[in-house]
Amino acid sequence: MVNAKQYIRNILLDAEIINLTGDKTVHYIHANNPVAPYVEYLFYDENGAEYEEGQEIETSFYLQVDIFNKGNYTDLENKIKEKLLNAGFERSMAADLYENETQLYHKAMRFTFDLEEV
């Protein structure tokens, strides 16, 4: 099966995305000492989507991408959304948040996608 973590990382490391971040990368689950704006991503669920002869041949993945910034993050939000939707992902929700502890604006976006066993 295609490595889902690497697949997502490759999409999110697109130059058009990372050039909009403060530290020119994306972070899996948690960023240590990031420079805003920054992006974190994680899988919050996965499950078998299709089976053949009792074997899972396709997996559904549920992805959350979080943007954190001191101000406006619209360009970064739009670019991430564009890249993932163009790759065949479906967006299931998005929320605009504010983190009092860090005083950062936070955009949480959730996407779903399926990968077949190769």
N, C-alpha and C. Protein backbone atom coordinates (compact mmCIF):
# COMPACT_ATOMS: atom_id res chain seq x y z
N MET A 1 0.84 -1.18 0.00
CA MET A 1 0.00 0.00 0.00
C MET A 1 0.88 1.24 0.00
N VAL A 2 0.41 2.28 -0.64
CA VAL A 2 1.11 3.55 -0.64
C VAL A 2 1.19 4.04 0.81
N ASN A 3 2.31 4.58 1.20
CA ASN A 3 2.47 5.12 2.54
C ASN A 3 1.70 6.43 2.63
N ALA A 4 0.59 6.43 3.37
CA ALA A 4 -0.29 7.59 3.44
C ALA A 4 0.41 8.80 4.04
N LYS A 5 1.23 8.59 5.06
CA LYS A 5 1.92 9.70 5.70
C LYS A 5 2.87 10.40 4.71
N GLN A 6 3.61 9.61 3.95
CA GLN A 6 4.53 10.18 2.97
C GLN A 6 3.77 10.84 1.82
N TYR A 7 2.68 10.23 1.42
CA TYR A 7 1.84 10.78 0.35
C TYR A 7 1.35 12.18 0.71
N ILE A 8 0.82 12.33 1.92
CA ILE A 8 0.33 13.63 2.38
C ILE A 8 1.49 14.62 2.51
N ARG A 9 2.56 14.16 3.11
CA ARG A 9 3.72 15.05 3.29
C ARG A 9 4.21 15.60 1.95
N ASN A 10 4.27 14.74 0.93
CA ASN A 10 4.71 15.19 -0.39
C ASN A 10 3.78 16.25 -0.97
N ILE A 11 2.48 16.09 -0.77
CA ILE A 11 1.53 17.10 -1.26
C ILE A 11 1.72 18.41 -0.51
N LEU A 12 1.81 18.33 0.82
CA LEU A 12 1.91 19.55 1.63
C LEU A 12 3.27 20.24 1.52
N LEU A 13 4.29 19.52 1.10
CA LEU A 13 5.61 20.14 0.93
C LEU A 13 5.76 20.82 -0.43
N ASP A 14 4.68 20.98 -1.14
CA ASP A 14 4.69 21.71 -2.40
C ASP A 14 5.25 23.12 -2.16
N ALA A 15 6.08 23.59 -3.06
CA ALA A 15 6.73 24.90 -2.90
C ALA A 15 5.72 26.02 -2.72
N GLU A 16 4.58 25.94 -3.38
CA GLU A 16 3.57 26.99 -3.24
C GLU A 16 2.98 27.04 -1.84
N ILE A 17 3.02 25.93 -1.11
CA ILE A 17 2.56 25.91 0.27
C ILE A 17 3.68 26.33 1.22
N ILE A 18 4.82 25.65 1.14
CA ILE A 18 5.87 25.92 2.14
C ILE A 18 6.46 27.32 2.01
N ASN A 19 6.40 27.92 0.83
CA ASN A 19 6.88 29.29 0.69
C ASN A 19 6.00 30.30 1.41
N LEU A 20 4.80 29.88 1.82
CA LEU A 20 3.90 30.74 2.60
C LEU A 20 4.05 30.52 4.10
N THR A 21 4.90 29.55 4.51
CA THR A 21 5.10 29.28 5.93
C THR A 21 6.35 29.97 6.44
N GLY A 22 6.39 30.17 7.75
CA GLY A 22 7.54 30.84 8.36
C GLY A 22 8.77 29.98 8.43
N ASP A 23 8.59 28.66 8.56
CA ASP A 23 9.75 27.78 8.70
C ASP A 23 9.97 26.87 7.50
N LYS A 24 9.24 27.12 6.41
CA LYS A 24 9.44 26.44 5.11
C LYS A 24 9.33 24.92 5.18
N THR A 25 8.41 24.45 6.01
CA THR A 25 8.13 23.02 6.11
C THR A 25 6.72 22.82 6.62
N VAL A 26 6.32 21.56 6.78
CA VAL A 26 5.07 21.20 7.44
C VAL A 26 5.42 20.21 8.54
N HIS A 27 4.60 20.14 9.56
CA HIS A 27 4.92 19.35 10.73
C HIS A 27 3.87 18.26 10.94
N TYR A 28 4.34 17.04 11.17
CA TYR A 28 3.44 15.93 11.45
C TYR A 28 3.10 15.93 12.94
N ILE A 29 1.87 16.02 13.26
CA ILE A 29 1.25 16.03 14.59
C ILE A 29 1.58 17.29 15.39
N HIS A 30 2.85 17.58 15.62
CA HIS A 30 3.18 18.72 16.49
C HIS A 30 4.50 19.37 16.05
N ALA A 31 4.49 20.68 16.02
CA ALA A 31 5.70 21.44 15.67
C ALA A 31 6.42 21.86 16.95
N ASN A 32 7.71 21.62 17.02
CA ASN A 32 8.53 22.10 18.13
C ASN A 32 9.18 23.41 17.72
N ASN A 33 8.91 24.47 18.47
CA ASN A 33 9.47 25.80 18.22
C ASN A 33 9.24 26.28 16.79
N PRO A 34 7.99 26.24 16.32
CA PRO A 34 7.72 26.66 14.94
C PRO A 34 7.77 28.17 14.78
N VAL A 35 7.88 28.60 13.54
CA VAL A 35 7.82 30.02 13.19
C VAL A 35 6.51 30.24 12.43
N ALA A 36 5.67 31.11 12.96
CA ALA A 36 4.37 31.37 12.34
C ALA A 36 4.55 32.16 11.04
N PRO A 37 3.71 31.90 10.06
CA PRO A 37 2.66 30.88 10.05
C PRO A 37 3.25 29.49 9.85
N TYR A 38 2.60 28.50 10.46
CA TYR A 38 3.07 27.13 10.30
C TYR A 38 1.90 26.18 10.15
N VAL A 39 2.22 24.97 9.65
CA VAL A 39 1.21 23.97 9.33
C VAL A 39 1.53 22.68 10.08
N GLU A 40 0.51 22.11 10.71
CA GLU A 40 0.58 20.79 11.30
C GLU A 40 -0.48 19.92 10.64
N TYR A 41 -0.20 18.62 10.55
CA TYR A 41 -1.20 17.70 9.99
C TYR A 41 -1.16 16.39 10.75
N LEU A 42 -2.29 15.69 10.76
CA LEU A 42 -2.38 14.40 11.42
C LEU A 42 -3.55 13.62 10.85
N PHE A 43 -3.51 12.31 11.08
CA PHE A 43 -4.62 11.44 10.72
C PHE A 43 -5.44 11.23 11.99
N TYR A 44 -6.72 11.58 11.96
CA TYR A 44 -7.54 11.39 13.14
C TYR A 44 -8.38 10.12 13.06
N ASP A 45 -8.36 9.45 11.91
CA ASP A 45 -9.04 8.17 11.78
C ASP A 45 -8.62 7.52 10.47
N GLU A 46 -8.74 6.20 10.42
CA GLU A 46 -8.58 5.46 9.18
C GLU A 46 -9.33 4.14 9.34
N ASN A 47 -9.85 3.64 8.23
CA ASN A 47 -10.57 2.38 8.30
C ASN A 47 -10.63 1.73 6.93
N GLY A 48 -10.95 0.45 6.95
CA GLY A 48 -11.07 -0.29 5.70
C GLY A 48 -12.23 0.22 4.88
N ALA A 49 -11.98 0.48 3.61
CA ALA A 49 -13.02 1.00 2.72
C ALA A 49 -13.53 -0.06 1.76
N GLU A 50 -12.64 -0.98 1.38
CA GLU A 50 -13.02 -2.01 0.41
C GLU A 50 -12.22 -3.27 0.70
N TYR A 51 -12.90 -4.40 0.55
CA TYR A 51 -12.28 -5.69 0.84
C TYR A 51 -12.46 -6.63 -0.34
N GLU A 52 -11.51 -7.54 -0.48
CA GLU A 52 -11.58 -8.57 -1.50
C GLU A 52 -11.04 -9.86 -0.87
N GLU A 53 -11.85 -10.89 -0.89
CA GLU A 53 -11.47 -12.18 -0.30
C GLU A 53 -10.97 -12.03 1.13
N GLY A 54 -11.66 -11.19 1.90
CA GLY A 54 -11.33 -10.99 3.31
C GLY A 54 -10.12 -10.10 3.56
N GLN A 55 -9.53 -9.54 2.52
CA GLN A 55 -8.34 -8.68 2.67
C GLN A 55 -8.71 -7.23 2.34
N GLU A 56 -8.23 -6.33 3.15
CA GLU A 56 -8.45 -4.91 2.89
C GLU A 56 -7.65 -4.50 1.66
N ILE A 57 -8.33 -3.97 0.66
CA ILE A 57 -7.64 -3.54 -0.56
C ILE A 57 -7.70 -2.03 -0.74
N GLU A 58 -8.49 -1.35 0.08
CA GLU A 58 -8.57 0.11 0.02
C GLU A 58 -8.83 0.63 1.43
N THR A 59 -8.15 1.70 1.79
CA THR A 59 -8.27 2.29 3.12
C THR A 59 -8.75 3.73 2.99
N SER A 60 -9.70 4.10 3.86
CA SER A 60 -10.15 5.49 3.96
C SER A 60 -9.34 6.18 5.05
N PHE A 61 -8.80 7.33 4.72
CA PHE A 61 -8.02 8.13 5.67
C PHE A 61 -8.74 9.44 5.94
N TYR A 62 -8.65 9.87 7.18
CA TYR A 62 -9.28 11.11 7.62
C TYR A 62 -8.16 12.02 8.13
N LEU A 63 -7.97 13.11 7.44
CA LEU A 63 -6.82 13.99 7.63
C LEU A 63 -7.26 15.32 8.21
N GLN A 64 -6.52 15.81 9.18
CA GLN A 64 -6.73 17.18 9.66
C GLN A 64 -5.47 17.98 9.37
N VAL A 65 -5.65 19.16 8.80
CA VAL A 65 -4.56 20.09 8.54
C VAL A 65 -4.86 21.36 9.33
N ASP A 66 -3.89 21.79 10.14
CA ASP A 66 -4.04 22.96 10.98
C ASP A 66 -3.05 24.04 10.57
N ILE A 67 -3.54 25.26 10.45
CA ILE A 67 -2.70 26.41 10.16
C ILE A 67 -2.72 27.30 11.40
N PHE A 68 -1.56 27.78 11.80
CA PHE A 68 -1.45 28.69 12.93
C PHE A 68 -0.72 29.95 12.46
N ASN A 69 -1.25 31.11 12.85
CA ASN A 69 -0.61 32.37 12.46
C ASN A 69 -0.99 33.48 13.43
N LYS A 70 -0.19 34.52 13.42
CA LYS A 70 -0.46 35.70 14.25
C LYS A 70 -1.52 36.59 13.63
N GLY A 71 -1.79 36.39 12.34
CA GLY A 71 -2.78 37.20 11.64
C GLY A 71 -3.45 36.39 10.55
N ASN A 72 -3.66 37.01 9.43
CA ASN A 72 -4.38 36.41 8.31
C ASN A 72 -3.64 35.21 7.73
N TYR A 73 -4.37 34.13 7.54
CA TYR A 73 -3.81 32.90 6.98
C TYR A 73 -4.52 32.48 5.70
N THR A 74 -5.28 33.38 5.10
CA THR A 74 -6.14 33.05 3.96
C THR A 74 -5.36 32.50 2.77
N ASP A 75 -4.23 33.09 2.41
CA ASP A 75 -3.47 32.60 1.25
C ASP A 75 -3.01 31.16 1.48
N LEU A 76 -2.51 30.87 2.67
CA LEU A 76 -2.05 29.52 3.00
C LEU A 76 -3.23 28.54 3.02
N GLU A 77 -4.33 28.95 3.60
CA GLU A 77 -5.54 28.12 3.63
C GLU A 77 -6.00 27.77 2.21
N ASN A 78 -6.07 28.77 1.35
CA ASN A 78 -6.54 28.55 -0.02
C ASN A 78 -5.59 27.64 -0.81
N LYS A 79 -4.30 27.79 -0.61
CA LYS A 79 -3.33 26.98 -1.34
C LYS A 79 -3.39 25.51 -0.89
N ILE A 80 -3.50 25.28 0.41
CA ILE A 80 -3.62 23.91 0.93
C ILE A 80 -4.89 23.26 0.41
N LYS A 81 -5.98 23.99 0.50
CA LYS A 81 -7.27 23.48 0.02
C LYS A 81 -7.19 23.15 -1.47
N GLU A 82 -6.60 24.03 -2.26
CA GLU A 82 -6.46 23.81 -3.70
C GLU A 82 -5.67 22.54 -4.00
N LYS A 83 -4.51 22.39 -3.35
CA LYS A 83 -3.65 21.24 -3.61
C LYS A 83 -4.32 19.93 -3.23
N LEU A 84 -4.99 19.90 -2.09
CA LEU A 84 -5.63 18.66 -1.65
C LEU A 84 -6.86 18.33 -2.49
N LEU A 85 -7.66 19.33 -2.81
CA LEU A 85 -8.85 19.07 -3.65
C LEU A 85 -8.43 18.62 -5.05
N ASN A 86 -7.38 19.23 -5.60
CA ASN A 86 -6.89 18.82 -6.92
C ASN A 86 -6.32 17.40 -6.91
N ALA A 87 -5.89 16.93 -5.74
CA ALA A 87 -5.36 15.57 -5.61
C ALA A 87 -6.49 14.56 -5.36
N GLY A 88 -7.73 15.01 -5.34
CA GLY A 88 -8.86 14.11 -5.20
C GLY A 88 -9.41 13.97 -3.79
N PHE A 89 -8.96 14.79 -2.87
CA PHE A 89 -9.46 14.74 -1.51
C PHE A 89 -10.83 15.41 -1.44
N GLU A 90 -11.60 15.04 -0.44
CA GLU A 90 -12.88 15.70 -0.17
C GLU A 90 -12.75 16.43 1.15
N ARG A 91 -13.21 17.68 1.18
CA ARG A 91 -13.14 18.47 2.42
C ARG A 91 -14.41 18.22 3.21
N SER A 92 -14.26 17.85 4.47
CA SER A 92 -15.43 17.52 5.28
C SER A 92 -15.80 18.58 6.29
N MET A 93 -14.88 19.44 6.68
CA MET A 93 -15.19 20.53 7.60
C MET A 93 -14.02 21.49 7.69
N ALA A 94 -14.31 22.67 8.21
CA ALA A 94 -13.28 23.67 8.49
C ALA A 94 -13.78 24.56 9.61
N ALA A 95 -12.87 25.05 10.44
CA ALA A 95 -13.25 25.93 11.54
C ALA A 95 -12.18 26.98 11.74
N ASP A 96 -12.62 28.19 12.01
CA ASP A 96 -11.73 29.29 12.36
C ASP A 96 -11.70 29.37 13.89
N LEU A 97 -10.50 29.33 14.45
CA LEU A 97 -10.34 29.29 15.90
C LEU A 97 -9.31 30.31 16.35
N TYR A 98 -9.25 30.56 17.66
CA TYR A 98 -8.21 31.40 18.24
C TYR A 98 -7.70 30.69 19.47
N GLU A 99 -6.38 30.57 19.56
CA GLU A 99 -5.74 29.90 20.69
C GLU A 99 -5.29 30.95 21.70
N ASN A 100 -6.01 31.07 22.81
CA ASN A 100 -5.68 32.07 23.83
C ASN A 100 -4.28 31.89 24.40
N GLU A 101 -3.90 30.63 24.61
CA GLU A 101 -2.61 30.34 25.23
C GLU A 101 -1.43 30.84 24.40
N THR A 102 -1.50 30.64 23.09
CA THR A 102 -0.40 31.04 22.21
C THR A 102 -0.67 32.36 21.49
N GLN A 103 -1.90 32.84 21.58
CA GLN A 103 -2.36 34.05 20.90
C GLN A 103 -2.18 33.95 19.38
N LEU A 104 -2.49 32.76 18.87
CA LEU A 104 -2.42 32.51 17.44
C LEU A 104 -3.80 32.21 16.89
N TYR A 105 -4.05 32.69 15.68
CA TYR A 105 -5.24 32.29 14.95
C TYR A 105 -4.99 30.90 14.40
N HIS A 106 -6.05 30.10 14.35
CA HIS A 106 -5.91 28.68 14.01
C HIS A 106 -7.02 28.31 13.04
N LYS A 107 -6.65 27.76 11.91
CA LYS A 107 -7.61 27.22 10.95
C LYS A 107 -7.47 25.72 10.97
N ALA A 108 -8.55 25.01 11.28
CA ALA A 108 -8.57 23.55 11.26
C ALA A 108 -9.39 23.12 10.06
N MET A 109 -8.81 22.26 9.21
CA MET A 109 -9.51 21.76 8.03
C MET A 109 -9.41 20.24 8.03
N ARG A 110 -10.52 19.59 7.71
CA ARG A 110 -10.52 18.13 7.64
C ARG A 110 -10.87 17.67 6.23
N PHE A 111 -10.15 16.63 5.82
CA PHE A 111 -10.29 16.06 4.48
C PHE A 111 -10.36 14.54 4.59
N THR A 112 -10.99 13.91 3.61
CA THR A 112 -10.99 12.45 3.52
C THR A 112 -10.46 12.04 2.16
N PHE A 113 -9.84 10.85 2.13
CA PHE A 113 -9.36 10.30 0.87
C PHE A 113 -9.17 8.80 1.04
N ASP A 114 -9.20 8.09 -0.07
CA ASP A 114 -9.02 6.64 -0.08
C ASP A 114 -7.75 6.29 -0.85
N LEU A 115 -7.03 5.29 -0.35
CA LEU A 115 -5.86 4.77 -1.05
C LEU A 115 -6.02 3.28 -1.22
N GLU A 116 -5.69 2.81 -2.44
CA GLU A 116 -5.76 1.38 -2.73
C GLU A 116 -4.45 0.71 -2.40
N GLU A 117 -4.55 -0.55 -2.01
CA GLU A 117 -3.36 -1.39 -1.80
C GLU A 117 -2.74 -1.63 -3.18
N VAL A 118 -1.46 -1.49 -3.29
CA VAL A 118 -0.79 -1.67 -4.59
C VAL A 118 -0.09 -3.00 -4.63
